[in-house]
Amino acid sequence: MGINIGGRDITNLTYADDTALLSDNLTSMKRILHRVNNAGQQAGLLLNAKKTKVMHIPASKESSNVEPDIKIDRTSLENVDNFKYLGSIKTSDGACTRIGMAKQGMVSLNNIWKDKSIPKPLKFKLLKTLVWPRMLYGCETWTMRKADESKIEAAEMWFFRRLPRVSWKDRRTNGNVLAEMGTGRTLLSLVKDRRLKYIGHAERNTKTDLMKIIFEGKTEAKRGRGRPSISYVDQVSKATGLKLQSISQKSQDRVIWRGIVKSSCAAANINPDMPQGNKVTSEPINFA
């Protein structure tokens, strides 16, 4: 039952009373749900069929998209393509909605961005304080492709162009807008910085090995045709130049790992909109 990762069957992820049940097949899922429901009833707790949702993730695009029929006490559960869990939207295709949520937040604050009495430096601080956290929530666990990195950088410029009210009709380059704002590109570097800090924290965590098992991603499954998907550990190894064993060892010392994080992020912090040879001098953004 459950999903086998690193030789361990993971059947549920629980945070307070928010529980996500996991399985790689329908029969096991029904069995897990039945056990949870029975255990809850014995303790005087009932599962709310209206609030409980089912999300089926096909193994591939060619797989059957027949919706599974799962019930709680003869009540069928609703099948969905996405649901909100702990402030983050989970989708059946793995798409990330953080950029869209951040843009919605940006638009909702249009009165602030349009107010000419508010100086640009203050608007910039408000952007980093009110909008960027929406986008960066959970970014420590992201596995990003080149296309994803491009989307983050494009979103960053989308934010920057709206602070000085720059229209696309003005035909101003990104470099020109960045110069007016007195900053460089920092959002992607911030994501990578947080990811490296998080894996160090996870490696040092002695209370549970669940985080380590999941981010190492050793699942039992057949790989499809084509190039293998890049993993979370692959990206951390590429950023640091270290293999997983070395990461586990060096991250135990906070001072050593902090130096590795700083040097790895500094090496990648290059602004493509500035003339060749010029590096971005902006410090990592502090949300404290």
C-alpha atoms as a PDB file:
ATOM      1  CA  MET A   1       0.000   0.000   0.000  1.00  0.00           C
ATOM      2  CA  GLY A   2       1.030   3.612  -0.377  1.00  0.00           C
ATOM      3  CA  ILE A   3       3.842   4.960  -2.543  1.00  0.00           C
ATOM      4  CA  ASN A   4       7.228   3.307  -2.120  1.00  0.00           C
ATOM      5  CA  ILE A   5      10.054   5.829  -1.784  1.00  0.00           C
ATOM      6  CA  GLY A   6      13.483   4.718  -0.623  1.00  0.00           C
ATOM      7  CA  GLY A   7      12.111   1.317   0.418  1.00  0.00           C
ATOM      8  CA  ARG A   8       9.465   2.864   2.650  1.00  0.00           C
ATOM      9  CA  ASP A   9       5.720   2.810   1.984  1.00  0.00           C
ATOM     10  CA  ILE A  10       4.276   6.283   2.502  1.00  0.00           C
ATOM     11  CA  THR A  11       0.501   6.131   2.875  1.00  0.00           C
ATOM     12  CA  ASN A  12      -0.265   9.542   4.346  1.00  0.00           C
ATOM     13  CA  LEU A  13       1.068  13.035   4.945  1.00  0.00           C
ATOM     14  CA  THR A  14      -0.485  14.656   7.996  1.00  0.00           C
ATOM     15  CA  TYR A  15      -0.386  18.210   9.311  1.00  0.00           C
ATOM     16  CA  ALA A  16      -2.717  18.804  12.267  1.00  0.00           C
ATOM     17  CA  ASP A  17      -6.129  17.649  10.991  1.00  0.00           C
ATOM     18  CA  ASP A  18      -5.227  18.059   7.295  1.00  0.00           C
ATOM     19  CA  THR A  19      -4.400  14.608   5.941  1.00  0.00           C
ATOM     20  CA  ALA A  20      -3.425  13.527   2.431  1.00  0.00           C
ATOM     21  CA  LEU A  21      -3.710   9.792   1.686  1.00  0.00           C
ATOM     22  CA  LEU A  22      -1.419   8.369  -0.998  1.00  0.00           C
ATOM     23  CA  SER A  23      -1.456   5.202  -3.067  1.00  0.00           C
ATOM     24  CA  ASP A  24      -0.227   3.974  -6.445  1.00  0.00           C
ATOM     25  CA  ASN A  25      -3.397   1.994  -7.213  1.00  0.00           C
ATOM     26  CA  LEU A  26      -7.137   2.246  -6.646  1.00  0.00           C
ATOM     27  CA  THR A  27      -7.542  -0.951  -4.597  1.00  0.00           C
ATOM     28  CA  SER A  28      -4.933   0.104  -2.049  1.00  0.00           C
ATOM     29  CA  MET A  29      -6.399   3.606  -1.823  1.00  0.00           C
ATOM     30  CA  LYS A  30      -9.834   2.220  -0.977  1.00  0.00           C
ATOM     31  CA  ARG A  31      -8.284  -0.042   1.657  1.00  0.00           C
ATOM     32  CA  ILE A  32      -6.321   2.836   3.235  1.00  0.00           C
ATOM     33  CA  LEU A  33      -9.376   5.111   3.304  1.00  0.00           C
ATOM     34  CA  HIS A  34     -11.480   2.324   4.841  1.00  0.00           C
ATOM     35  CA  ARG A  35      -8.936   1.821   7.639  1.00  0.00           C
ATOM     36  CA  VAL A  36      -8.668   5.548   8.352  1.00  0.00           C
ATOM     37  CA  ASN A  37     -12.460   5.890   8.414  1.00  0.00           C
ATOM     38  CA  ASN A  38     -12.901   2.943  10.793  1.00  0.00           C
ATOM     39  CA  ALA A  39     -10.143   4.168  13.117  1.00  0.00           C
ATOM     40  CA  GLY A  40     -11.709   7.625  13.166  1.00  0.00           C
ATOM     41  CA  GLN A  41     -15.162   6.296  14.018  1.00  0.00           C
ATOM     42  CA  GLN A  42     -13.752   4.293  16.933  1.00  0.00           C
ATOM     43  CA  ALA A  43     -12.269   7.533  18.283  1.00  0.00           C
ATOM     44  CA  GLY A  44     -15.483   9.467  17.683  1.00  0.00           C
ATOM     45  CA  LEU A  45     -14.170  11.256  14.576  1.00  0.00           C
ATOM     46  CA  LEU A  46     -15.975  11.327  11.242  1.00  0.00           C
ATOM     47  CA  LEU A  47     -14.597  11.995   7.767  1.00  0.00           C
ATOM     48  CA  ASN A  48     -16.454  14.762   5.940  1.00  0.00           C
ATOM     49  CA  ALA A  49     -17.303  13.350   2.504  1.00  0.00           C
ATOM     50  CA  LYS A  50     -18.052  16.833   1.133  1.00  0.00           C
ATOM     51  CA  LYS A  51     -14.613  18.161   2.069  1.00  0.00           C
ATOM     52  CA  THR A  52     -12.688  15.034   1.043  1.00  0.00           C
ATOM     53  CA  LYS A  53     -11.484  15.120  -2.566  1.00  0.00           C
ATOM     54  CA  VAL A  54      -9.879  12.584  -4.901  1.00  0.00           C
ATOM     55  CA  MET A  55      -7.161  13.485  -7.403  1.00  0.00           C
ATOM     56  CA  HIS A  56      -6.033  10.846  -9.882  1.00  0.00           C
ATOM     57  CA  ILE A  57      -2.605  11.381 -11.465  1.00  0.00           C
ATOM     58  CA  PRO A  58      -2.185   9.191 -14.597  1.00  0.00           C
ATOM     59  CA  ALA A  59       1.229   7.588 -15.073  1.00  0.00           C
ATOM     60  CA  SER A  60       1.392   9.101 -18.564  1.00  0.00           C
ATOM     61  CA  LYS A  61      -0.699  11.065 -21.048  1.00  0.00           C
ATOM     62  CA  GLU A  62      -1.586   7.794 -22.751  1.00  0.00           C
ATOM     63  CA  SER A  63      -2.952   6.329 -19.517  1.00  0.00           C
ATOM     64  CA  SER A  64      -6.671   6.001 -18.940  1.00  0.00           C
ATOM     65  CA  ASN A  65      -8.345   9.097 -17.542  1.00  0.00           C
ATOM     66  CA  VAL A  66     -11.310   7.194 -16.108  1.00  0.00           C
ATOM     67  CA  GLU A  67     -12.255   8.830 -12.821  1.00  0.00           C
ATOM     68  CA  PRO A  68     -11.912   6.449  -9.852  1.00  0.00           C
ATOM     69  CA  ASP A  69     -15.031   5.767  -7.807  1.00  0.00           C
ATOM     70  CA  ILE A  70     -14.103   6.051  -4.133  1.00  0.00           C
ATOM     71  CA  LYS A  71     -16.706   6.220  -1.386  1.00  0.00           C
ATOM     72  CA  ILE A  72     -17.018   7.009   2.309  1.00  0.00           C
ATOM     73  CA  ASP A  73     -19.977   5.157   3.838  1.00  0.00           C
ATOM     74  CA  ARG A  74     -21.680   4.842   0.414  1.00  0.00           C
ATOM     75  CA  THR A  75     -21.106   8.508  -0.401  1.00  0.00           C
ATOM     76  CA  SER A  76     -19.008   8.997  -3.555  1.00  0.00           C
ATOM     77  CA  LEU A  77     -16.127  11.437  -3.256  1.00  0.00           C
ATOM     78  CA  GLU A  78     -15.653  14.238  -5.769  1.00  0.00           C
ATOM     79  CA  ASN A  79     -12.846  13.838  -8.327  1.00  0.00           C
ATOM     80  CA  VAL A  80     -10.852  17.033  -8.932  1.00  0.00           C
ATOM     81  CA  ASP A  81      -7.905  18.159 -11.071  1.00  0.00           C
ATOM     82  CA  ASN A  82      -6.568  20.411  -8.317  1.00  0.00           C
ATOM     83  CA  PHE A  83      -7.081  21.202  -4.658  1.00  0.00           C
ATOM     84  CA  LYS A  84      -5.649  23.527  -2.030  1.00  0.00           C
ATOM     85  CA  TYR A  85      -3.541  21.946   0.691  1.00  0.00           C
ATOM     86  CA  LEU A  86      -1.705  23.970   3.362  1.00  0.00           C
ATOM     87  CA  GLY A  87      -1.919  27.159   1.301  1.00  0.00           C
ATOM     88  CA  SER A  88      -0.577  25.585  -1.883  1.00  0.00           C
ATOM     89  CA  ILE A  89      -2.573  24.402  -4.903  1.00  0.00           C
ATOM     90  CA  LYS A  90      -1.815  20.827  -5.973  1.00  0.00           C
ATOM     91  CA  THR A  91      -2.582  19.926  -9.601  1.00  0.00           C
ATOM     92  CA  SER A  92      -2.830  16.584 -11.382  1.00  0.00           C
ATOM     93  CA  ASP A  93      -0.354  17.693 -14.070  1.00  0.00           C
ATOM     94  CA  GLY A  94       2.183  19.063 -11.578  1.00  0.00           C
ATOM     95  CA  ALA A  95       1.827  22.646 -12.847  1.00  0.00           C
ATOM     96  CA  CYS A  96       2.862  25.432 -10.475  1.00  0.00           C
ATOM     97  CA  THR A  97       0.327  28.199  -9.802  1.00  0.00           C
ATOM     98  CA  ARG A  98       2.537  30.451  -7.667  1.00  0.00           C
ATOM     99  CA  ILE A  99       3.303  32.934 -10.474  1.00  0.00           C
ATOM    100  CA  GLY A 100      -0.392  33.360 -11.236  1.00  0.00           C
ATOM    101  CA  MET A 101      -1.197  33.888  -7.558  1.00  0.00           C
ATOM    102  CA  ALA A 102       1.558  36.497  -7.252  1.00  0.00           C
ATOM    103  CA  LYS A 103       0.268  38.368 -10.301  1.00  0.00           C
ATOM    104  CA  GLN A 104      -3.231  38.389  -8.830  1.00  0.00           C
ATOM    105  CA  GLY A 105      -1.787  39.888  -5.667  1.00  0.00           C
ATOM    106  CA  MET A 106       0.051  42.493  -7.736  1.00  0.00           C
ATOM    107  CA  VAL A 107      -3.119  43.496  -9.580  1.00  0.00           C
ATOM    108  CA  SER A 108      -5.110  43.718  -6.337  1.00  0.00           C
ATOM    109  CA  LEU A 109      -2.655  46.405  -5.151  1.00  0.00           C
ATOM    110  CA  ASN A 110      -2.947  48.572  -8.271  1.00  0.00           C
ATOM    111  CA  ASN A 111      -4.043  51.572  -6.208  1.00  0.00           C
ATOM    112  CA  ILE A 112      -0.646  51.539  -4.522  1.00  0.00           C
ATOM    113  CA  TRP A 113       1.351  51.172  -7.739  1.00  0.00           C
ATOM    114  CA  LYS A 114      -0.619  53.999  -9.394  1.00  0.00           C
ATOM    115  CA  ASP A 115      -0.184  56.390  -6.474  1.00  0.00           C
ATOM    116  CA  LYS A 116       2.437  58.934  -7.589  1.00  0.00           C
ATOM    117  CA  SER A 117       2.858  60.238  -4.039  1.00  0.00           C
ATOM    118  CA  ILE A 118       4.485  56.945  -2.996  1.00  0.00           C
ATOM    119  CA  PRO A 119       8.222  56.932  -3.844  1.00  0.00           C
ATOM    120  CA  LYS A 120       9.568  54.108  -6.003  1.00  0.00           C
ATOM    121  CA  PRO A 121      11.913  52.732  -3.306  1.00  0.00           C
ATOM    122  CA  LEU A 122       8.926  52.275  -0.987  1.00  0.00           C
ATOM    123  CA  LYS A 123       6.913  50.610  -3.758  1.00  0.00           C
ATOM    124  CA  PHE A 124       9.841  48.262  -4.324  1.00  0.00           C
ATOM    125  CA  LYS A 125       9.849  47.309  -0.631  1.00  0.00           C
ATOM    126  CA  LEU A 126       6.088  46.744  -0.724  1.00  0.00           C
ATOM    127  CA  LEU A 127       6.524  44.512  -3.782  1.00  0.00           C
ATOM    128  CA  LYS A 128       9.062  42.352  -1.962  1.00  0.00           C
ATOM    129  CA  THR A 129       6.978  42.269   1.210  1.00  0.00           C
ATOM    130  CA  LEU A 130       3.437  41.781  -0.145  1.00  0.00           C
ATOM    131  CA  VAL A 131       3.781  40.099  -3.545  1.00  0.00           C
ATOM    132  CA  TRP A 132       6.934  38.024  -3.703  1.00  0.00           C
ATOM    133  CA  PRO A 133       6.077  35.830  -0.677  1.00  0.00           C
ATOM    134  CA  ARG A 134       3.005  34.644  -2.591  1.00  0.00           C
ATOM    135  CA  MET A 135       5.223  33.481  -5.423  1.00  0.00           C
ATOM    136  CA  LEU A 136       8.026  32.014  -3.315  1.00  0.00           C
ATOM    137  CA  TYR A 137       5.903  29.985  -0.892  1.00  0.00           C
ATOM    138  CA  GLY A 138       7.355  26.465  -0.920  1.00  0.00           C
ATOM    139  CA  CYS A 139      10.057  27.353  -3.467  1.00  0.00           C
ATOM    140  CA  GLU A 140      12.592  25.452  -1.341  1.00  0.00           C
ATOM    141  CA  THR A 141      11.212  22.204  -2.789  1.00  0.00           C
ATOM    142  CA  TRP A 142      10.969  23.205  -6.456  1.00  0.00           C
ATOM    143  CA  THR A 143      12.682  21.193  -9.174  1.00  0.00           C
ATOM    144  CA  MET A 144      13.053  23.659 -12.048  1.00  0.00           C
ATOM    145  CA  ARG A 145      13.649  23.221 -15.762  1.00  0.00           C
ATOM    146  CA  LYS A 146      15.151  25.936 -17.931  1.00  0.00           C
ATOM    147  CA  ALA A 147      11.621  26.850 -19.018  1.00  0.00           C
ATOM    148  CA  ASP A 148      10.586  27.286 -15.376  1.00  0.00           C
ATOM    149  CA  GLU A 149      13.577  29.534 -14.680  1.00  0.00           C
ATOM    150  CA  SER A 150      12.653  31.646 -17.705  1.00  0.00           C
ATOM    151  CA  LYS A 151       9.099  31.993 -16.376  1.00  0.00           C
ATOM    152  CA  ILE A 152      10.399  33.217 -13.017  1.00  0.00           C
ATOM    153  CA  GLU A 153      12.634  35.814 -14.670  1.00  0.00           C
ATOM    154  CA  ALA A 154       9.803  36.904 -16.968  1.00  0.00           C
ATOM    155  CA  ALA A 155       7.473  37.270 -13.968  1.00  0.00           C
ATOM    156  CA  GLU A 156      10.104  39.336 -12.159  1.00  0.00           C
ATOM    157  CA  MET A 157      10.276  41.783 -15.074  1.00  0.00           C
ATOM    158  CA  TRP A 158       6.466  41.821 -15.224  1.00  0.00           C
ATOM    159  CA  PHE A 159       6.491  43.041 -11.609  1.00  0.00           C
ATOM    160  CA  PHE A 160       9.253  45.590 -12.177  1.00  0.00           C
ATOM    161  CA  ARG A 161       7.586  47.119 -15.246  1.00  0.00           C
ATOM    162  CA  ARG A 162       4.404  47.783 -13.311  1.00  0.00           C
ATOM    163  CA  LEU A 163       6.054  49.778 -10.556  1.00  0.00           C
ATOM    164  CA  PRO A 164       7.151  52.692 -12.816  1.00  0.00           C
ATOM    165  CA  ARG A 165       4.075  52.045 -15.033  1.00  0.00           C
ATOM    166  CA  VAL A 166       6.141  51.056 -18.079  1.00  0.00           C
ATOM    167  CA  SER A 167       3.961  50.041 -21.025  1.00  0.00           C
ATOM    168  CA  TRP A 168       5.070  47.477 -23.601  1.00  0.00           C
ATOM    169  CA  LYS A 169       4.427  50.220 -26.176  1.00  0.00           C
ATOM    170  CA  ASP A 170       7.326  52.214 -24.707  1.00  0.00           C
ATOM    171  CA  ARG A 171       9.763  49.631 -26.098  1.00  0.00           C
ATOM    172  CA  ARG A 172      12.104  49.963 -23.162  1.00  0.00           C
ATOM    173  CA  THR A 173      14.601  47.178 -22.591  1.00  0.00           C
ATOM    174  CA  ASN A 174      14.679  45.127 -19.420  1.00  0.00           C
ATOM    175  CA  GLY A 175      18.101  46.549 -18.637  1.00  0.00           C
ATOM    176  CA  ASN A 176      16.728  50.079 -18.862  1.00  0.00           C
ATOM    177  CA  VAL A 177      13.873  49.247 -16.476  1.00  0.00           C
ATOM    178  CA  LEU A 178      16.257  47.569 -14.018  1.00  0.00           C
ATOM    179  CA  ALA A 179      18.535  50.623 -14.103  1.00  0.00           C
ATOM    180  CA  GLU A 180      15.584  52.898 -13.283  1.00  0.00           C
ATOM    181  CA  MET A 181      14.627  50.648 -10.372  1.00  0.00           C
ATOM    182  CA  GLY A 182      18.234  50.578  -9.186  1.00  0.00           C
ATOM    183  CA  THR A 183      18.315  46.801  -8.933  1.00  0.00           C
ATOM    184  CA  GLY A 184      19.179  43.657 -10.838  1.00  0.00           C
ATOM    185  CA  ARG A 185      17.527  40.295 -11.234  1.00  0.00           C
ATOM    186  CA  THR A 186      17.432  38.627  -7.824  1.00  0.00           C
ATOM    187  CA  LEU A 187      14.288  36.468  -7.735  1.00  0.00           C
ATOM    188  CA  LEU A 188      15.756  33.334  -9.344  1.00  0.00           C
ATOM    189  CA  SER A 189      18.897  33.597  -7.205  1.00  0.00           C
ATOM    190  CA  LEU A 190      16.678  33.862  -4.126  1.00  0.00           C
ATOM    191  CA  VAL A 191      14.842  30.654  -5.084  1.00  0.00           C
ATOM    192  CA  LYS A 192      18.122  28.766  -5.522  1.00  0.00           C
ATOM    193  CA  ASP A 193      19.500  30.210  -2.284  1.00  0.00           C
ATOM    194  CA  ARG A 194      16.467  29.035  -0.322  1.00  0.00           C
ATOM    195  CA  ARG A 195      16.608  25.588  -1.913  1.00  0.00           C
ATOM    196  CA  LEU A 196      20.230  25.057  -0.859  1.00  0.00           C
ATOM    197  CA  LYS A 197      19.540  26.304   2.671  1.00  0.00           C
ATOM    198  CA  TYR A 198      16.547  23.981   2.941  1.00  0.00           C
ATOM    199  CA  ILE A 199      18.396  20.825   1.913  1.00  0.00           C
ATOM    200  CA  GLY A 200      21.035  21.601   4.525  1.00  0.00           C
ATOM    201  CA  HIS A 201      18.287  21.929   7.135  1.00  0.00           C
ATOM    202  CA  ALA A 202      16.701  18.651   5.993  1.00  0.00           C
ATOM    203  CA  GLU A 203      20.016  16.795   6.165  1.00  0.00           C
ATOM    204  CA  ARG A 204      20.625  18.026   9.719  1.00  0.00           C
ATOM    205  CA  ASN A 205      17.115  17.153  10.885  1.00  0.00           C
ATOM    206  CA  THR A 206      17.453  14.194  13.256  1.00  0.00           C
ATOM    207  CA  LYS A 207      13.774  13.997  14.276  1.00  0.00           C
ATOM    208  CA  THR A 208      12.601  12.275  11.084  1.00  0.00           C
ATOM    209  CA  ASP A 209      14.160  10.879   7.950  1.00  0.00           C
ATOM    210  CA  LEU A 210      10.974  11.358   5.901  1.00  0.00           C
ATOM    211  CA  MET A 211      12.169  14.607   4.282  1.00  0.00           C
ATOM    212  CA  LYS A 212      15.481  13.027   3.271  1.00  0.00           C
ATOM    213  CA  ILE A 213      13.753   9.969   1.809  1.00  0.00           C
ATOM    214  CA  ILE A 214      11.392  12.102  -0.272  1.00  0.00           C
ATOM    215  CA  PHE A 215      13.858  14.629  -1.693  1.00  0.00           C
ATOM    216  CA  GLU A 216      16.291  11.840  -2.617  1.00  0.00           C
ATOM    217  CA  GLY A 217      13.365  10.517  -4.657  1.00  0.00           C
ATOM    218  CA  LYS A 218      14.324   6.848  -4.902  1.00  0.00           C
ATOM    219  CA  THR A 219      10.996   5.542  -6.173  1.00  0.00           C
ATOM    220  CA  GLU A 220      10.243   2.083  -7.497  1.00  0.00           C
ATOM    221  CA  ALA A 221       8.861   2.610 -10.987  1.00  0.00           C
ATOM    222  CA  LYS A 222       9.620   1.964 -14.623  1.00  0.00           C
ATOM    223  CA  ARG A 223      11.109   4.903 -16.461  1.00  0.00           C
ATOM    224  CA  GLY A 224       9.370   5.969 -19.640  1.00  0.00           C
ATOM    225  CA  ARG A 225      11.011   6.582 -22.977  1.00  0.00           C
ATOM    226  CA  GLY A 226      13.148   9.636 -23.621  1.00  0.00           C
ATOM    227  CA  ARG A 227      15.478  11.683 -21.474  1.00  0.00           C
ATOM    228  CA  PRO A 228      15.102  11.031 -17.724  1.00  0.00           C
ATOM    229  CA  SER A 229      13.563  13.841 -15.721  1.00  0.00           C
ATOM    230  CA  ILE A 230      15.978  15.922 -13.672  1.00  0.00           C
ATOM    231  CA  SER A 231      15.619  15.341  -9.950  1.00  0.00           C
ATOM    232  CA  TYR A 232      15.779  17.648  -6.954  1.00  0.00           C
ATOM    233  CA  VAL A 233      19.106  16.166  -5.859  1.00  0.00           C
ATOM    234  CA  ASP A 234      20.498  16.525  -9.403  1.00  0.00           C
ATOM    235  CA  GLN A 235      19.876  20.267  -9.298  1.00  0.00           C
ATOM    236  CA  VAL A 236      21.399  20.672  -5.848  1.00  0.00           C
ATOM    237  CA  SER A 237      24.439  18.656  -6.946  1.00  0.00           C
ATOM    238  CA  LYS A 238      24.826  20.790 -10.058  1.00  0.00           C
ATOM    239  CA  ALA A 239      24.577  24.023  -8.062  1.00  0.00           C
ATOM    240  CA  THR A 240      27.124  22.959  -5.444  1.00  0.00           C
ATOM    241  CA  GLY A 241      29.352  20.676  -7.511  1.00  0.00           C
ATOM    242  CA  LEU A 242      28.918  17.990  -4.831  1.00  0.00           C
ATOM    243  CA  LYS A 243      27.501  14.478  -4.894  1.00  0.00           C
ATOM    244  CA  LEU A 244      24.731  13.452  -2.499  1.00  0.00           C
ATOM    245  CA  GLN A 245      27.099  11.777  -0.046  1.00  0.00           C
ATOM    246  CA  SER A 246      29.264  14.907   0.173  1.00  0.00           C
ATOM    247  CA  ILE A 247      26.159  17.083   0.567  1.00  0.00           C
ATOM    248  CA  SER A 248      25.021  14.920   3.505  1.00  0.00           C
ATOM    249  CA  GLN A 249      28.430  15.185   5.170  1.00  0.00           C
ATOM    250  CA  LYS A 250      29.178  18.874   4.621  1.00  0.00           C
ATOM    251  CA  SER A 251      25.678  20.076   5.510  1.00  0.00           C
ATOM    252  CA  GLN A 252      26.089  18.765   9.070  1.00  0.00           C
ATOM    253  CA  ASP A 253      28.341  21.756   9.777  1.00  0.00           C
ATOM    254  CA  ARG A 254      26.241  24.926   9.472  1.00  0.00           C
ATOM    255  CA  VAL A 255      29.248  27.192   8.947  1.00  0.00           C
ATOM    256  CA  ILE A 256      30.699  25.061   6.140  1.00  0.00           C
ATOM    257  CA  TRP A 257      27.312  24.647   4.460  1.00  0.00           C
ATOM    258  CA  ARG A 258      26.564  28.362   4.724  1.00  0.00           C
ATOM    259  CA  GLY A 259      29.809  29.057   2.873  1.00  0.00           C
ATOM    260  CA  ILE A 260      28.913  26.537   0.152  1.00  0.00           C
ATOM    261  CA  VAL A 261      25.480  28.141  -0.285  1.00  0.00           C
ATOM    262  CA  LYS A 262      26.975  31.627  -0.505  1.00  0.00           C
ATOM    263  CA  SER A 263      29.639  30.676  -3.064  1.00  0.00           C
ATOM    264  CA  SER A 264      27.196  28.630  -5.181  1.00  0.00           C
ATOM    265  CA  CYS A 265      24.673  31.483  -5.375  1.00  0.00           C
ATOM    266  CA  ALA A 266      27.371  34.095  -6.045  1.00  0.00           C
ATOM    267  CA  ALA A 267      28.680  32.054  -8.982  1.00  0.00           C
ATOM    268  CA  ALA A 268      25.203  31.904 -10.552  1.00  0.00           C
ATOM    269  CA  ASN A 269      24.136  35.495  -9.813  1.00  0.00           C
ATOM    270  CA  ILE A 270      24.735  37.042 -13.242  1.00  0.00           C
ATOM    271  CA  ASN A 271      22.383  39.615 -14.769  1.00  0.00           C
ATOM    272  CA  PRO A 272      21.746  38.797 -18.463  1.00  0.00           C
ATOM    273  CA  ASP A 273      20.480  42.341 -19.122  1.00  0.00           C
ATOM    274  CA  MET A 274      23.685  44.065 -18.057  1.00  0.00           C
ATOM    275  CA  PRO A 275      26.745  44.370 -20.321  1.00  0.00           C
ATOM    276  CA  GLN A 276      28.945  41.276 -20.411  1.00  0.00           C
ATOM    277  CA  GLY A 277      31.303  41.088 -17.450  1.00  0.00           C
ATOM    278  CA  ASN A 278      29.104  43.090 -15.073  1.00  0.00           C
ATOM    279  CA  LYS A 279      27.648  41.154 -12.168  1.00  0.00           C
ATOM    280  CA  VAL A 280      24.558  41.978 -10.193  1.00  0.00           C
ATOM    281  CA  THR A 281      25.567  43.542  -6.892  1.00  0.00           C
ATOM    282  CA  SER A 282      22.138  43.391  -5.249  1.00  0.00           C
ATOM    283  CA  GLU A 283      22.123  41.522  -1.961  1.00  0.00           C
ATOM    284  CA  PRO A 284      19.674  38.609  -1.434  1.00  0.00           C
ATOM    285  CA  ILE A 285      16.301  39.998  -0.401  1.00  0.00           C
ATOM    286  CA  ASN A 286      15.438  39.788   3.272  1.00  0.00           C
ATOM    287  CA  PHE A 287      11.731  39.350   4.066  1.00  0.00           C
ATOM    288  CA  ALA A 288      12.285  39.704   7.792  1.00  0.00           C
END
